[in-house]
All heavy atoms as atom14 arrays in JSON, in Angstrom:
{
  "sequence": "KLVVLDGDLSKSTMTAGFGKEFPERFFNMGIAEQNLYGVAAGLAHG",
  "atom14_mask": [
    [1, 1, 1, 1, 1, 1, 1, 1, 1, 0, 0, 0, 0, 0],
    [1, 1, 1, 1, 1, 1, 1, 1, 0, 0, 0, 0, 0, 0],
    [1, 1, 1, 1, 1, 1, 1, 0, 0, 0, 0, 0, 0, 0],
    [1, 1, 1, 1, 1, 1, 1, 0, 0, 0, 0, 0, 0, 0],
    [1, 1, 1, 1, 1, 1, 1, 1, 0, 0, 0, 0, 0, 0],
    [1, 1, 1, 1, 1, 1, 1, 1, 0, 0, 0, 0, 0, 0],
    [1, 1, 1, 1, 0, 0, 0, 0, 0, 0, 0, 0, 0, 0],
    [1, 1, 1, 1, 1, 1, 1, 1, 0, 0, 0, 0, 0, 0],
    [1, 1, 1, 1, 1, 1, 1, 1, 0, 0, 0, 0, 0, 0],
    [1, 1, 1, 1, 1, 1, 0, 0, 0, 0, 0, 0, 0, 0],
    [1, 1, 1, 1, 1, 1, 1, 1, 1, 0, 0, 0, 0, 0],
    [1, 1, 1, 1, 1, 1, 0, 0, 0, 0, 0, 0, 0, 0],
    [1, 1, 1, 1, 1, 1, 1, 0, 0, 0, 0, 0, 0, 0],
    [1, 1, 1, 1, 1, 1, 1, 1, 0, 0, 0, 0, 0, 0],
    [1, 1, 1, 1, 1, 1, 1, 0, 0, 0, 0, 0, 0, 0],
    [1, 1, 1, 1, 1, 0, 0, 0, 0, 0, 0, 0, 0, 0],
    [1, 1, 1, 1, 0, 0, 0, 0, 0, 0, 0, 0, 0, 0],
    [1, 1, 1, 1, 1, 1, 1, 1, 1, 1, 1, 0, 0, 0],
    [1, 1, 1, 1, 0, 0, 0, 0, 0, 0, 0, 0, 0, 0],
    [1, 1, 1, 1, 1, 1, 1, 1, 1, 0, 0, 0, 0, 0],
    [1, 1, 1, 1, 1, 1, 1, 1, 1, 0, 0, 0, 0, 0],
    [1, 1, 1, 1, 1, 1, 1, 1, 1, 1, 1, 0, 0, 0],
    [1, 1, 1, 1, 1, 1, 1, 0, 0, 0, 0, 0, 0, 0],
    [1, 1, 1, 1, 1, 1, 1, 1, 1, 0, 0, 0, 0, 0],
    [1, 1, 1, 1, 1, 1, 1, 1, 1, 1, 1, 0, 0, 0],
    [1, 1, 1, 1, 1, 1, 1, 1, 1, 1, 1, 0, 0, 0],
    [1, 1, 1, 1, 1, 1, 1, 1, 1, 1, 1, 0, 0, 0],
    [1, 1, 1, 1, 1, 1, 1, 1, 0, 0, 0, 0, 0, 0],
    [1, 1, 1, 1, 1, 1, 1, 1, 0, 0, 0, 0, 0, 0],
    [1, 1, 1, 1, 0, 0, 0, 0, 0, 0, 0, 0, 0, 0],
    [1, 1, 1, 1, 1, 1, 1, 1, 0, 0, 0, 0, 0, 0],
    [1, 1, 1, 1, 1, 0, 0, 0, 0, 0, 0, 0, 0, 0],
    [1, 1, 1, 1, 1, 1, 1, 1, 1, 0, 0, 0, 0, 0],
    [1, 1, 1, 1, 1, 1, 1, 1, 1, 0, 0, 0, 0, 0],
    [1, 1, 1, 1, 1, 1, 1, 1, 0, 0, 0, 0, 0, 0],
    [1, 1, 1, 1, 1, 1, 1, 1, 0, 0, 0, 0, 0, 0],
    [1, 1, 1, 1, 1, 1, 1, 1, 1, 1, 1, 1, 0, 0],
    [1, 1, 1, 1, 0, 0, 0, 0, 0, 0, 0, 0, 0, 0],
    [1, 1, 1, 1, 1, 1, 1, 0, 0, 0, 0, 0, 0, 0],
    [1, 1, 1, 1, 1, 0, 0, 0, 0, 0, 0, 0, 0, 0],
    [1, 1, 1, 1, 1, 0, 0, 0, 0, 0, 0, 0, 0, 0],
    [1, 1, 1, 1, 0, 0, 0, 0, 0, 0, 0, 0, 0, 0],
    [1, 1, 1, 1, 1, 1, 1, 1, 0, 0, 0, 0, 0, 0],
    [1, 1, 1, 1, 1, 0, 0, 0, 0, 0, 0, 0, 0, 0],
    [1, 1, 1, 1, 1, 1, 1, 1, 1, 1, 0, 0, 0, 0],
    [1, 1, 1, 1, 0, 0, 0, 0, 0, 0, 0, 0, 0, 0]
  ],
  "atom14_positions": [
    [[-27.43, -53.58, -11.57], [-27.08, -54.85, -10.9], [-27.95, -55.3, -9.83], [-27.94, -56.43, -9.41], [-25.63, -54.68, -10.33], [-24.49, -54.5, -11.23], [-23.13, -54.42, -10.57], [-22.0, -54.31, -11.54], [-20.65, -54.25, -10.83], [0.0, 0.0, 0.0], [0.0, 0.0, 0.0], [0.0, 0.0, 0.0], [0.0, 0.0, 0.0], [0.0, 0.0, 0.0]],
    [[-28.9, -54.46, -9.4], [-29.84, -54.84, -8.42], [-30.86, -55.82, -8.89], [-31.54, -55.59, -9.89], [-30.54, -53.57, -7.8], [-31.48, -53.89, -6.69], [-30.8, -54.25, -5.41], [-32.41, -52.57, -6.37], [0.0, 0.0, 0.0], [0.0, 0.0, 0.0], [0.0, 0.0, 0.0], [0.0, 0.0, 0.0], [0.0, 0.0, 0.0], [0.0, 0.0, 0.0]],
    [[-30.97, -57.0, -8.21], [-32.02, -57.9, -8.52], [-32.78, -58.2, -7.2], [-32.29, -58.02, -6.1], [-31.43, -59.33, -9.05], [-30.78, -58.99, -10.46], [-30.5, -59.89, -8.13], [0.0, 0.0, 0.0], [0.0, 0.0, 0.0], [0.0, 0.0, 0.0], [0.0, 0.0, 0.0], [0.0, 0.0, 0.0], [0.0, 0.0, 0.0], [0.0, 0.0, 0.0]],
    [[-33.99, -58.65, -7.34], [-34.84, -58.87, -6.16], [-35.4, -60.3, -6.13], [-35.93, -60.72, -7.21], [-35.95, -57.83, -6.0], [-36.89, -58.13, -4.87], [-35.4, -56.4, -5.87], [0.0, 0.0, 0.0], [0.0, 0.0, 0.0], [0.0, 0.0, 0.0], [0.0, 0.0, 0.0], [0.0, 0.0, 0.0], [0.0, 0.0, 0.0], [0.0, 0.0, 0.0]],
    [[-35.36, -60.93, -5.1], [-35.94, -62.31, -4.92], [-36.88, -62.27, -3.81], [-36.77, -61.53, -2.82], [-34.89, -63.32, -4.69], [-33.7, -63.58, -5.67], [-32.61, -62.59, -5.53], [-33.15, -64.93, -5.57], [0.0, 0.0, 0.0], [0.0, 0.0, 0.0], [0.0, 0.0, 0.0], [0.0, 0.0, 0.0], [0.0, 0.0, 0.0], [0.0, 0.0, 0.0]],
    [[-38.01, -63.09, -3.94], [-39.0, -63.12, -2.95], [-39.53, -64.58, -2.68], [-39.53, -65.39, -3.66], [-40.15, -62.12, -3.18], [-40.94, -61.77, -2.08], [-41.79, -62.62, -1.67], [-40.7, -60.62, -1.52], [0.0, 0.0, 0.0], [0.0, 0.0, 0.0], [0.0, 0.0, 0.0], [0.0, 0.0, 0.0], [0.0, 0.0, 0.0], [0.0, 0.0, 0.0]],
    [[-39.97, -64.81, -1.48], [-40.54, -66.21, -1.19], [-41.98, -66.23, -1.32], [-42.64, -66.63, -0.39], [0.0, 0.0, 0.0], [0.0, 0.0, 0.0], [0.0, 0.0, 0.0], [0.0, 0.0, 0.0], [0.0, 0.0, 0.0], [0.0, 0.0, 0.0], [0.0, 0.0, 0.0], [0.0, 0.0, 0.0], [0.0, 0.0, 0.0], [0.0, 0.0, 0.0]],
    [[-42.56, -65.78, -2.42], [-44.05, -65.86, -2.65], [-44.76, -65.04, -1.72], [-45.98, -65.38, -1.39], [-44.56, -67.34, -2.67], [-45.79, -67.46, -3.4], [-46.02, -66.76, -4.44], [-46.64, -68.34, -3.06], [0.0, 0.0, 0.0], [0.0, 0.0, 0.0], [0.0, 0.0, 0.0], [0.0, 0.0, 0.0], [0.0, 0.0, 0.0], [0.0, 0.0, 0.0]],
    [[-44.21, -63.89, -1.31], [-44.88, -62.95, -0.42], [-44.7, -61.48, -0.9], [-44.73, -60.55, -0.07], [-44.24, -63.1, 0.99], [-44.66, -64.38, 1.77], [-43.72, -64.54, 2.95], [-46.08, -64.34, 2.18], [0.0, 0.0, 0.0], [0.0, 0.0, 0.0], [0.0, 0.0, 0.0], [0.0, 0.0, 0.0], [0.0, 0.0, 0.0], [0.0, 0.0, 0.0]],
    [[-44.6, -61.29, -2.13], [-44.1, -59.97, -2.7], [-45.19, -58.81, -2.38], [-44.77, -57.68, -2.26], [-43.97, -60.12, -4.18], [-45.14, -60.51, -4.85], [0.0, 0.0, 0.0], [0.0, 0.0, 0.0], [0.0, 0.0, 0.0], [0.0, 0.0, 0.0], [0.0, 0.0, 0.0], [0.0, 0.0, 0.0], [0.0, 0.0, 0.0], [0.0, 0.0, 0.0]],
    [[-46.47, -59.24, -2.26], [-47.36, -58.18, -1.89], [-47.21, -57.74, -0.44], [-47.5, -56.56, -0.09], [-48.84, -58.58, -2.16], [-49.17, -58.73, -3.64], [-50.61, -59.06, -3.86], [-50.92, -59.24, -5.34], [-52.37, -59.56, -5.63], [0.0, 0.0, 0.0], [0.0, 0.0, 0.0], [0.0, 0.0, 0.0], [0.0, 0.0, 0.0], [0.0, 0.0, 0.0]],
    [[-46.83, -58.74, 0.35], [-46.68, -58.42, 1.77], [-45.27, -57.74, 2.09], [-45.2, -56.78, 2.98], [-46.83, -59.7, 2.67], [-48.08, -60.23, 2.54], [0.0, 0.0, 0.0], [0.0, 0.0, 0.0], [0.0, 0.0, 0.0], [0.0, 0.0, 0.0], [0.0, 0.0, 0.0], [0.0, 0.0, 0.0], [0.0, 0.0, 0.0], [0.0, 0.0, 0.0]],
    [[-44.22, -58.22, 1.41], [-42.88, -57.7, 1.65], [-42.69, -56.42, 0.87], [-41.7, -55.71, 1.0], [-41.83, -58.64, 1.29], [-41.99, -58.94, -0.25], [-41.94, -60.0, 2.03], [0.0, 0.0, 0.0], [0.0, 0.0, 0.0], [0.0, 0.0, 0.0], [0.0, 0.0, 0.0], [0.0, 0.0, 0.0], [0.0, 0.0, 0.0], [0.0, 0.0, 0.0]],
    [[-43.63, -56.06, 0.01], [-43.61, -54.84, -0.84], [-42.67, -54.82, -1.94], [-42.25, -53.83, -2.43], [-43.5, -53.61, 0.03], [-44.58, -53.39, 1.05], [-46.1, -53.08, 0.29], [-47.21, -52.64, 1.66], [0.0, 0.0, 0.0], [0.0, 0.0, 0.0], [0.0, 0.0, 0.0], [0.0, 0.0, 0.0], [0.0, 0.0, 0.0], [0.0, 0.0, 0.0]],
    [[-42.27, -56.06, -2.34], [-41.25, -56.13, -3.49], [-42.01, -56.17, -4.86], [-41.38, -56.19, -5.84], [-40.4, -57.36, -3.37], [-41.2, -58.63, -3.39], [-39.56, -57.42, -2.18], [0.0, 0.0, 0.0], [0.0, 0.0, 0.0], [0.0, 0.0, 0.0], [0.0, 0.0, 0.0], [0.0, 0.0, 0.0], [0.0, 0.0, 0.0], [0.0, 0.0, 0.0]],
    [[-43.36, -56.33, -4.76], [-44.13, -56.41, -5.96], [-43.95, -55.3, -6.87], [-43.96, -55.45, -8.24], [-45.6, -56.53, -5.68], [0.0, 0.0, 0.0], [0.0, 0.0, 0.0], [0.0, 0.0, 0.0], [0.0, 0.0, 0.0], [0.0, 0.0, 0.0], [0.0, 0.0, 0.0], [0.0, 0.0, 0.0], [0.0, 0.0, 0.0], [0.0, 0.0, 0.0]],
    [[-43.78, -54.08, -6.39], [-43.5, -52.96, -7.28], [-42.31, -53.05, -8.08], [-42.3, -52.71, -9.28], [0.0, 0.0, 0.0], [0.0, 0.0, 0.0], [0.0, 0.0, 0.0], [0.0, 0.0, 0.0], [0.0, 0.0, 0.0], [0.0, 0.0, 0.0], [0.0, 0.0, 0.0], [0.0, 0.0, 0.0], [0.0, 0.0, 0.0], [0.0, 0.0, 0.0]],
    [[-41.3, -53.6, -7.49], [-40.05, -53.82, -8.25], [-40.23, -54.86, -9.34], [-39.82, -54.67, -10.48], [-38.91, -54.22, -7.31], [-37.55, -54.45, -7.94], [-36.63, -53.37, -7.91], [-37.27, -55.63, -8.65], [-35.39, -53.51, -8.51], [-35.96, -55.67, -9.3], [-35.02, -54.65, -9.21], [0.0, 0.0, 0.0], [0.0, 0.0, 0.0], [0.0, 0.0, 0.0]],
    [[-40.95, -55.89, -8.98], [-41.26, -56.97, -10.01], [-42.09, -56.45, -11.1], [-41.87, -56.93, -12.27], [0.0, 0.0, 0.0], [0.0, 0.0, 0.0], [0.0, 0.0, 0.0], [0.0, 0.0, 0.0], [0.0, 0.0, 0.0], [0.0, 0.0, 0.0], [0.0, 0.0, 0.0], [0.0, 0.0, 0.0], [0.0, 0.0, 0.0], [0.0, 0.0, 0.0]],
    [[-43.01, -55.52, -10.95], [-43.78, -55.02, -12.05], [-42.97, -54.15, -12.92], [-43.1, -54.26, -14.25], [-44.94, -54.18, -11.39], [-45.9, -53.61, -12.47], [-47.05, -52.85, -11.86], [-47.98, -52.31, -12.82], [-49.11, -51.61, -12.19], [0.0, 0.0, 0.0], [0.0, 0.0, 0.0], [0.0, 0.0, 0.0], [0.0, 0.0, 0.0], [0.0, 0.0, 0.0]],
    [[-42.03, -53.26, -12.35], [-41.24, -52.53, -13.22], [-40.03, -53.15, -13.9], [-39.6, -52.76, -14.97], [-40.73, -51.25, -12.44], [-39.94, -50.21, -13.25], [-40.02, -48.79, -12.64], [-40.91, -48.45, -11.88], [-39.24, -47.97, -13.19], [0.0, 0.0, 0.0], [0.0, 0.0, 0.0], [0.0, 0.0, 0.0], [0.0, 0.0, 0.0], [0.0, 0.0, 0.0]],
    [[-39.5, -54.17, -13.14], [-38.32, -54.81, -13.68], [-38.6, -56.35, -13.63], [-37.81, -57.02, -12.85], [-37.1, -54.44, -12.85], [-36.87, -52.99, -12.64], [-37.08, -52.41, -11.45], [-36.31, -52.27, -13.69], [-36.95, -51.06, -11.26], [-36.03, -50.93, -13.57], [-36.4, -50.25, -12.35], [0.0, 0.0, 0.0], [0.0, 0.0, 0.0], [0.0, 0.0, 0.0]],
    [[-39.43, -56.85, -14.42], [-39.78, -58.26, -14.36], [-38.62, -59.15, -14.74], [-38.54, -60.3, -14.11], [-40.89, -58.42, -15.39], [-40.73, -57.23, -16.28], [-40.32, -56.11, -15.41], [0.0, 0.0, 0.0], [0.0, 0.0, 0.0], [0.0, 0.0, 0.0], [0.0, 0.0, 0.0], [0.0, 0.0, 0.0], [0.0, 0.0, 0.0], [0.0, 0.0, 0.0]],
    [[-37.69, -58.72, -15.49], [-36.5, -59.48, -15.87], [-35.49, -59.58, -14.66], [-34.54, -60.48, -14.77], [-35.9, -58.96, -17.1], [-35.08, -57.67, -16.9], [-35.82, -56.46, -16.76], [-37.05, -56.54, -16.79], [-35.26, -55.32, -16.54], [0.0, 0.0, 0.0], [0.0, 0.0, 0.0], [0.0, 0.0, 0.0], [0.0, 0.0, 0.0], [0.0, 0.0, 0.0]],
    [[-35.61, -58.75, -13.69], [-34.74, -58.69, -12.55], [-35.41, -59.14, -11.22], [-34.84, -58.96, -10.14], [-34.03, -57.35, -12.43], [-33.09, -56.97, -13.44], [-32.29, -55.74, -13.03], [-32.85, -54.6, -13.48], [-32.76, -53.36, -12.84], [-31.98, -53.32, -11.66], [-33.3, -52.3, -13.33], [0.0, 0.0, 0.0], [0.0, 0.0, 0.0], [0.0, 0.0, 0.0]],
    [[-36.56, -59.72, -11.33], [-37.39, -60.12, -10.2], [-37.6, -61.66, -10.28], [-38.0, -62.2, -11.27], [-38.7, -59.41, -10.18], [-39.52, -59.8, -9.03], [-39.35, -59.33, -7.7], [-40.63, -60.72, -9.22], [-40.16, -59.68, -6.64], [-41.4, -61.05, -8.16], [-41.19, -60.61, -6.83], [0.0, 0.0, 0.0], [0.0, 0.0, 0.0], [0.0, 0.0, 0.0]],
    [[-37.38, -62.37, -9.1], [-37.46, -63.79, -9.13], [-38.31, -64.25, -7.92], [-37.97, -64.05, -6.78], [-36.13, -64.48, -9.06], [-35.19, -63.97, -10.09], [-34.38, -62.87, -9.87], [-35.16, -64.61, -11.28], [-33.44, -62.5, -10.81], [-34.29, -64.15, -12.34], [-33.41, -63.14, -12.09], [0.0, 0.0, 0.0], [0.0, 0.0, 0.0], [0.0, 0.0, 0.0]],
    [[-39.55, -64.76, -8.18], [-40.36, -65.34, -7.18], [-39.88, -66.81, -7.02], [-40.15, -67.61, -7.85], [-41.83, -65.34, -7.56], [-42.68, -65.87, -6.52], [-42.26, -66.32, -5.35], [-44.01, -65.83, -6.68], [0.0, 0.0, 0.0], [0.0, 0.0, 0.0], [0.0, 0.0, 0.0], [0.0, 0.0, 0.0], [0.0, 0.0, 0.0], [0.0, 0.0, 0.0]],
    [[-39.33, -67.11, -5.88], [-38.7, -68.42, -5.59], [-39.7, -69.39, -4.95], [-39.34, -70.51, -4.68], [-37.42, -68.3, -4.71], [-36.44, -67.33, -5.29], [-35.88, -67.74, -7.01], [-35.13, -69.35, -6.71], [0.0, 0.0, 0.0], [0.0, 0.0, 0.0], [0.0, 0.0, 0.0], [0.0, 0.0, 0.0], [0.0, 0.0, 0.0], [0.0, 0.0, 0.0]],
    [[-40.88, -68.9, -4.72], [-41.89, -69.7, -4.04], [-41.63, -69.88, -2.63], [-40.78, -69.35, -2.02], [0.0, 0.0, 0.0], [0.0, 0.0, 0.0], [0.0, 0.0, 0.0], [0.0, 0.0, 0.0], [0.0, 0.0, 0.0], [0.0, 0.0, 0.0], [0.0, 0.0, 0.0], [0.0, 0.0, 0.0], [0.0, 0.0, 0.0], [0.0, 0.0, 0.0]],
    [[-42.47, -70.79, -2.03], [-42.33, -70.98, -0.54], [-41.15, -72.06, -0.29], [-41.39, -73.2, -0.07], [-43.61, -71.55, 0.04], [-44.71, -70.54, -0.25], [-43.58, -71.6, 1.57], [-46.1, -70.98, 0.03], [0.0, 0.0, 0.0], [0.0, 0.0, 0.0], [0.0, 0.0, 0.0], [0.0, 0.0, 0.0], [0.0, 0.0, 0.0], [0.0, 0.0, 0.0]],
    [[-39.99, -71.57, -0.52], [-38.78, -72.43, -0.51], [-37.58, -71.47, -0.01], [-36.81, -71.14, -0.92], [-38.51, -73.03, -1.84], [0.0, 0.0, 0.0], [0.0, 0.0, 0.0], [0.0, 0.0, 0.0], [0.0, 0.0, 0.0], [0.0, 0.0, 0.0], [0.0, 0.0, 0.0], [0.0, 0.0, 0.0], [0.0, 0.0, 0.0], [0.0, 0.0, 0.0]],
    [[-37.65, -71.12, 1.2], [-36.73, -70.04, 1.74], [-35.24, -70.43, 1.65], [-34.44, -69.56, 1.42], [-37.17, -69.7, 3.06], [-38.42, -68.95, 3.22], [-39.69, -69.88, 3.18], [-39.46, -71.09, 3.25], [-40.81, -69.41, 3.11], [0.0, 0.0, 0.0], [0.0, 0.0, 0.0], [0.0, 0.0, 0.0], [0.0, 0.0, 0.0], [0.0, 0.0, 0.0]],
    [[-34.96, -71.69, 1.91], [-33.52, -72.07, 1.83], [-32.97, -71.98, 0.37], [-31.94, -71.48, 0.14], [-33.4, -73.54, 2.22], [-33.65, -73.64, 3.78], [-33.6, -75.19, 4.17], [-34.11, -76.04, 3.48], [-33.19, -75.42, 5.36], [0.0, 0.0, 0.0], [0.0, 0.0, 0.0], [0.0, 0.0, 0.0], [0.0, 0.0, 0.0], [0.0, 0.0, 0.0]],
    [[-33.87, -72.36, -0.61], [-33.5, -72.17, -2.05], [-33.44, -70.66, -2.32], [-32.58, -70.19, -3.13], [-34.58, -72.82, -2.89], [-34.1, -72.9, -4.32], [-33.03, -73.27, -4.72], [-35.0, -72.49, -5.21], [0.0, 0.0, 0.0], [0.0, 0.0, 0.0], [0.0, 0.0, 0.0], [0.0, 0.0, 0.0], [0.0, 0.0, 0.0], [0.0, 0.0, 0.0]],
    [[-34.37, -69.9, -1.83], [-34.29, -68.42, -2.06], [-32.93, -67.86, -1.74], [-32.35, -67.11, -2.52], [-35.4, -67.76, -1.12], [-35.31, -66.29, -0.95], [-35.65, -65.49, -2.21], [-36.34, -65.88, 0.22], [0.0, 0.0, 0.0], [0.0, 0.0, 0.0], [0.0, 0.0, 0.0], [0.0, 0.0, 0.0], [0.0, 0.0, 0.0], [0.0, 0.0, 0.0]],
    [[-32.45, -68.15, -0.55], [-31.18, -67.6, -0.21], [-29.97, -68.26, -0.77], [-28.85, -67.62, -1.0], [-31.04, -67.54, 1.33], [-32.06, -66.42, 1.92], [-33.14, -66.78, 2.45], [-31.75, -65.06, 1.68], [-34.06, -65.84, 2.96], [-32.64, -64.2, 2.09], [-33.82, -64.52, 2.68], [-34.57, -63.56, 3.12], [0.0, 0.0, 0.0], [0.0, 0.0, 0.0]],
    [[-30.07, -69.58, -1.22], [-29.04, -70.15, -1.89], [-28.81, -69.56, -3.31], [-27.65, -69.3, -3.76], [0.0, 0.0, 0.0], [0.0, 0.0, 0.0], [0.0, 0.0, 0.0], [0.0, 0.0, 0.0], [0.0, 0.0, 0.0], [0.0, 0.0, 0.0], [0.0, 0.0, 0.0], [0.0, 0.0, 0.0], [0.0, 0.0, 0.0], [0.0, 0.0, 0.0]],
    [[-29.96, -69.27, -4.02], [-29.93, -68.69, -5.36], [-29.45, -67.25, -5.25], [-28.65, -66.74, -6.04], [-31.31, -68.67, -5.95], [-31.33, -67.83, -7.23], [-31.79, -70.15, -6.27], [0.0, 0.0, 0.0], [0.0, 0.0, 0.0], [0.0, 0.0, 0.0], [0.0, 0.0, 0.0], [0.0, 0.0, 0.0], [0.0, 0.0, 0.0], [0.0, 0.0, 0.0]],
    [[-29.8, -66.51, -4.17], [-29.3, -65.16, -3.94], [-27.82, -65.17, -3.79], [-27.11, -64.27, -4.35], [-29.97, -64.57, -2.66], [0.0, 0.0, 0.0], [0.0, 0.0, 0.0], [0.0, 0.0, 0.0], [0.0, 0.0, 0.0], [0.0, 0.0, 0.0], [0.0, 0.0, 0.0], [0.0, 0.0, 0.0], [0.0, 0.0, 0.0], [0.0, 0.0, 0.0]],
    [[-27.32, -66.14, -3.09], [-25.78, -66.26, -2.94], [-25.18, -66.47, -4.29], [-24.13, -65.88, -4.62], [-25.41, -67.36, -1.99], [0.0, 0.0, 0.0], [0.0, 0.0, 0.0], [0.0, 0.0, 0.0], [0.0, 0.0, 0.0], [0.0, 0.0, 0.0], [0.0, 0.0, 0.0], [0.0, 0.0, 0.0], [0.0, 0.0, 0.0], [0.0, 0.0, 0.0]],
    [[-25.74, -67.33, -5.14], [-25.13, -67.6, -6.43], [-25.22, -66.34, -7.33], [-24.23, -66.03, -8.04], [0.0, 0.0, 0.0], [0.0, 0.0, 0.0], [0.0, 0.0, 0.0], [0.0, 0.0, 0.0], [0.0, 0.0, 0.0], [0.0, 0.0, 0.0], [0.0, 0.0, 0.0], [0.0, 0.0, 0.0], [0.0, 0.0, 0.0], [0.0, 0.0, 0.0]],
    [[-26.32, -65.69, -7.36], [-26.44, -64.39, -8.1], [-25.49, -63.4, -7.67], [-24.78, -62.68, -8.48], [-27.88, -63.78, -7.96], [-28.93, -64.61, -8.74], [-30.38, -64.14, -8.29], [-28.75, -64.32, -10.21], [0.0, 0.0, 0.0], [0.0, 0.0, 0.0], [0.0, 0.0, 0.0], [0.0, 0.0, 0.0], [0.0, 0.0, 0.0], [0.0, 0.0, 0.0]],
    [[-25.2, -63.29, -6.32], [-24.12, -62.33, -5.76], [-22.8, -62.75, -6.28], [-22.01, -61.81, -6.76], [-24.19, -62.41, -4.25], [0.0, 0.0, 0.0], [0.0, 0.0, 0.0], [0.0, 0.0, 0.0], [0.0, 0.0, 0.0], [0.0, 0.0, 0.0], [0.0, 0.0, 0.0], [0.0, 0.0, 0.0], [0.0, 0.0, 0.0], [0.0, 0.0, 0.0]],
    [[-22.43, -64.01, -6.23], [-21.11, -64.36, -6.74], [-21.02, -64.27, -8.21], [-19.85, -64.18, -8.76], [-20.76, -65.75, -6.22], [-20.5, -65.93, -4.86], [-19.47, -65.27, -4.24], [-21.14, -66.56, -3.81], [-19.47, -65.52, -2.85], [-20.48, -66.39, -2.63], [0.0, 0.0, 0.0], [0.0, 0.0, 0.0], [0.0, 0.0, 0.0], [0.0, 0.0, 0.0]],
    [[-22.09, -64.1, -8.94], [-22.05, -63.9, -10.41], [-22.14, -62.38, -10.68], [-22.15, -61.99, -11.84], [0.0, 0.0, 0.0], [0.0, 0.0, 0.0], [0.0, 0.0, 0.0], [0.0, 0.0, 0.0], [0.0, 0.0, 0.0], [0.0, 0.0, 0.0], [0.0, 0.0, 0.0], [0.0, 0.0, 0.0], [0.0, 0.0, 0.0], [0.0, 0.0, 0.0]]
  ]
}
């Protein structure tokens, strides 16, 4: 159930390793932080 979202900083936040191993559960949302957390909320409610 664990999914990871990042704001185009995965090498700095260290989420890149998760993205490499679980690409289907990793979402780079770009430099759009409000959207990042809005999508995270939707995924949680799903």
